[in-house]
Amino acid sequence: MTTEQRLAMIKEAMKVLANTDKIDQKFKQRGLNSLTQAYNRHTSQMKASKIFTNTKRFGH
């Protein structure tokens, strides 16, 4: 599974969680916080791998 696919899944989970009223507000917020952290972690990994690929390509 690619990082882009993971990001799409995380976004979808965040959307579903944000739109539900069936769970306690505290758990809802906790879930959104952990999904946000996962999203940020994946985007920073993507940036790091792009930088690595670019520097590798130019032989630095």
N, C-alpha and C. Protein backbone atom coordinates (compact mmCIF):
# COMPACT_ATOMS: atom_id res chain seq x y z
N MET A 1 0.84 -1.19 0.00
CA MET A 1 0.00 0.00 0.00
C MET A 1 0.89 1.25 0.00
N THR A 2 0.58 2.16 -0.88
CA THR A 2 1.40 3.36 -0.97
C THR A 2 1.01 4.38 0.10
N THR A 3 1.86 5.34 0.31
CA THR A 3 1.59 6.38 1.30
C THR A 3 0.36 7.19 0.90
N GLU A 4 0.19 7.42 -0.41
CA GLU A 4 -0.98 8.17 -0.89
C GLU A 4 -2.27 7.45 -0.52
N GLN A 5 -2.27 6.11 -0.67
CA GLN A 5 -3.46 5.32 -0.33
C GLN A 5 -3.74 5.40 1.17
N ARG A 6 -2.67 5.34 1.97
CA ARG A 6 -2.84 5.45 3.42
C ARG A 6 -3.43 6.81 3.79
N LEU A 7 -2.92 7.87 3.15
CA LEU A 7 -3.43 9.21 3.43
C LEU A 7 -4.91 9.31 3.07
N ALA A 8 -5.30 8.72 1.96
CA ALA A 8 -6.70 8.74 1.55
C ALA A 8 -7.57 8.01 2.58
N MET A 9 -7.09 6.87 3.07
CA MET A 9 -7.83 6.11 4.08
C MET A 9 -7.97 6.90 5.38
N ILE A 10 -6.88 7.55 5.79
CA ILE A 10 -6.91 8.34 7.03
C ILE A 10 -7.90 9.50 6.89
N LYS A 11 -7.87 10.17 5.72
CA LYS A 11 -8.79 11.29 5.48
C LYS A 11 -10.24 10.81 5.55
N GLU A 12 -10.51 9.66 4.93
CA GLU A 12 -11.87 9.11 4.93
C GLU A 12 -12.31 8.76 6.35
N ALA A 13 -11.41 8.16 7.13
CA ALA A 13 -11.73 7.81 8.52
C ALA A 13 -12.02 9.07 9.34
N MET A 14 -11.25 10.13 9.10
CA MET A 14 -11.46 11.39 9.81
C MET A 14 -12.84 11.97 9.47
N LYS A 15 -13.20 11.88 8.19
CA LYS A 15 -14.49 12.41 7.74
C LYS A 15 -15.64 11.66 8.41
N VAL A 16 -15.54 10.32 8.42
CA VAL A 16 -16.58 9.50 9.03
C VAL A 16 -16.69 9.78 10.52
N LEU A 17 -15.55 9.85 11.19
CA LEU A 17 -15.54 10.10 12.63
C LEU A 17 -16.10 11.48 12.96
N ALA A 18 -15.75 12.47 12.16
CA ALA A 18 -16.22 13.84 12.41
C ALA A 18 -17.74 13.94 12.23
N ASN A 19 -18.30 13.10 11.36
CA ASN A 19 -19.73 13.21 11.06
C ASN A 19 -20.61 12.31 11.91
N THR A 20 -20.03 11.53 12.80
CA THR A 20 -20.85 10.64 13.63
C THR A 20 -21.19 11.29 14.97
N ASP A 21 -22.38 10.99 15.45
CA ASP A 21 -22.80 11.50 16.76
C ASP A 21 -23.07 10.35 17.72
N LYS A 22 -22.71 9.14 17.30
CA LYS A 22 -23.05 7.96 18.07
C LYS A 22 -22.04 7.65 19.18
N ILE A 23 -20.90 8.34 19.19
CA ILE A 23 -19.90 8.07 20.23
C ILE A 23 -19.67 9.31 21.09
N ASP A 24 -19.11 9.06 22.24
CA ASP A 24 -18.83 10.13 23.21
C ASP A 24 -17.88 11.16 22.62
N GLN A 25 -18.11 12.42 22.93
CA GLN A 25 -17.30 13.52 22.39
C GLN A 25 -15.81 13.37 22.71
N LYS A 26 -15.51 12.88 23.92
CA LYS A 26 -14.11 12.72 24.35
C LYS A 26 -13.39 11.69 23.45
N PHE A 27 -14.08 10.56 23.20
CA PHE A 27 -13.48 9.52 22.36
C PHE A 27 -13.37 9.99 20.92
N LYS A 28 -14.37 10.75 20.49
CA LYS A 28 -14.36 11.29 19.13
C LYS A 28 -13.13 12.19 18.95
N GLN A 29 -12.88 13.07 19.91
CA GLN A 29 -11.75 13.99 19.83
C GLN A 29 -10.43 13.24 19.88
N ARG A 30 -10.37 12.23 20.73
CA ARG A 30 -9.15 11.43 20.85
C ARG A 30 -8.85 10.70 19.53
N GLY A 31 -9.90 10.17 18.91
CA GLY A 31 -9.73 9.49 17.63
C GLY A 31 -9.26 10.43 16.54
N LEU A 32 -9.88 11.61 16.50
CA LEU A 32 -9.48 12.61 15.50
C LEU A 32 -8.03 13.05 15.72
N ASN A 33 -7.63 13.20 16.99
CA ASN A 33 -6.25 13.59 17.28
C ASN A 33 -5.26 12.54 16.79
N SER A 34 -5.54 11.27 17.04
CA SER A 34 -4.60 10.23 16.63
C SER A 34 -4.57 10.09 15.11
N LEU A 35 -5.71 10.27 14.46
CA LEU A 35 -5.73 10.22 13.00
C LEU A 35 -4.94 11.40 12.41
N THR A 36 -5.07 12.56 13.03
CA THR A 36 -4.32 13.73 12.57
C THR A 36 -2.82 13.50 12.71
N GLN A 37 -2.41 12.90 13.83
CA GLN A 37 -0.99 12.59 14.02
C GLN A 37 -0.49 11.61 12.96
N ALA A 38 -1.30 10.59 12.68
CA ALA A 38 -0.92 9.60 11.66
C ALA A 38 -0.80 10.27 10.30
N TYR A 39 -1.76 11.16 9.98
CA TYR A 39 -1.74 11.88 8.71
C TYR A 39 -0.47 12.72 8.58
N ASN A 40 -0.15 13.45 9.64
CA ASN A 40 1.05 14.30 9.62
C ASN A 40 2.32 13.47 9.50
N ARG A 41 2.35 12.33 10.18
CA ARG A 41 3.51 11.46 10.12
C ARG A 41 3.73 10.95 8.70
N HIS A 42 2.63 10.56 8.03
CA HIS A 42 2.75 10.06 6.66
C HIS A 42 3.17 11.15 5.68
N THR A 43 2.62 12.37 5.85
CA THR A 43 2.99 13.44 4.93
C THR A 43 4.45 13.83 5.13
N SER A 44 4.94 13.82 6.37
CA SER A 44 6.35 14.15 6.58
C SER A 44 7.26 13.05 6.04
N GLN A 45 6.81 11.80 6.11
CA GLN A 45 7.59 10.71 5.51
C GLN A 45 7.66 10.86 4.00
N MET A 46 6.54 11.27 3.40
CA MET A 46 6.52 11.47 1.95
C MET A 46 7.50 12.57 1.55
N LYS A 47 7.49 13.68 2.28
CA LYS A 47 8.41 14.78 1.99
C LYS A 47 9.86 14.32 2.13
N ALA A 48 10.14 13.59 3.19
CA ALA A 48 11.50 13.11 3.44
C ALA A 48 11.95 12.17 2.32
N SER A 49 11.07 11.29 1.87
CA SER A 49 11.46 10.35 0.82
C SER A 49 11.66 11.08 -0.52
N LYS A 50 10.86 12.13 -0.76
CA LYS A 50 11.04 12.92 -1.99
C LYS A 50 12.39 13.63 -1.95
N ILE A 51 12.73 14.21 -0.82
CA ILE A 51 14.02 14.90 -0.68
C ILE A 51 15.16 13.92 -0.90
N PHE A 52 15.04 12.74 -0.29
CA PHE A 52 16.07 11.72 -0.42
C PHE A 52 16.22 11.30 -1.88
N THR A 53 15.10 11.09 -2.57
CA THR A 53 15.13 10.68 -3.97
C THR A 53 15.76 11.76 -4.83
N ASN A 54 15.39 13.01 -4.58
CA ASN A 54 15.94 14.11 -5.37
C ASN A 54 17.44 14.25 -5.17
N THR A 55 17.91 14.16 -3.93
CA THR A 55 19.35 14.32 -3.69
C THR A 55 20.11 13.13 -4.24
N LYS A 56 19.51 11.96 -4.17
CA LYS A 56 20.16 10.76 -4.70
C LYS A 56 20.33 10.87 -6.22
N ARG A 57 19.30 11.41 -6.86
CA ARG A 57 19.30 11.52 -8.31
C ARG A 57 20.45 12.41 -8.80
N PHE A 58 20.74 13.47 -8.04
CA PHE A 58 21.78 14.40 -8.47
C PHE A 58 23.15 14.04 -7.93
N GLY A 59 23.23 12.91 -7.25
CA GLY A 59 24.52 12.39 -6.82
C GLY A 59 25.17 13.14 -5.69
N HIS A 60 24.39 13.72 -4.80
CA HIS A 60 24.97 14.43 -3.65
C HIS A 60 25.19 13.48 -2.51
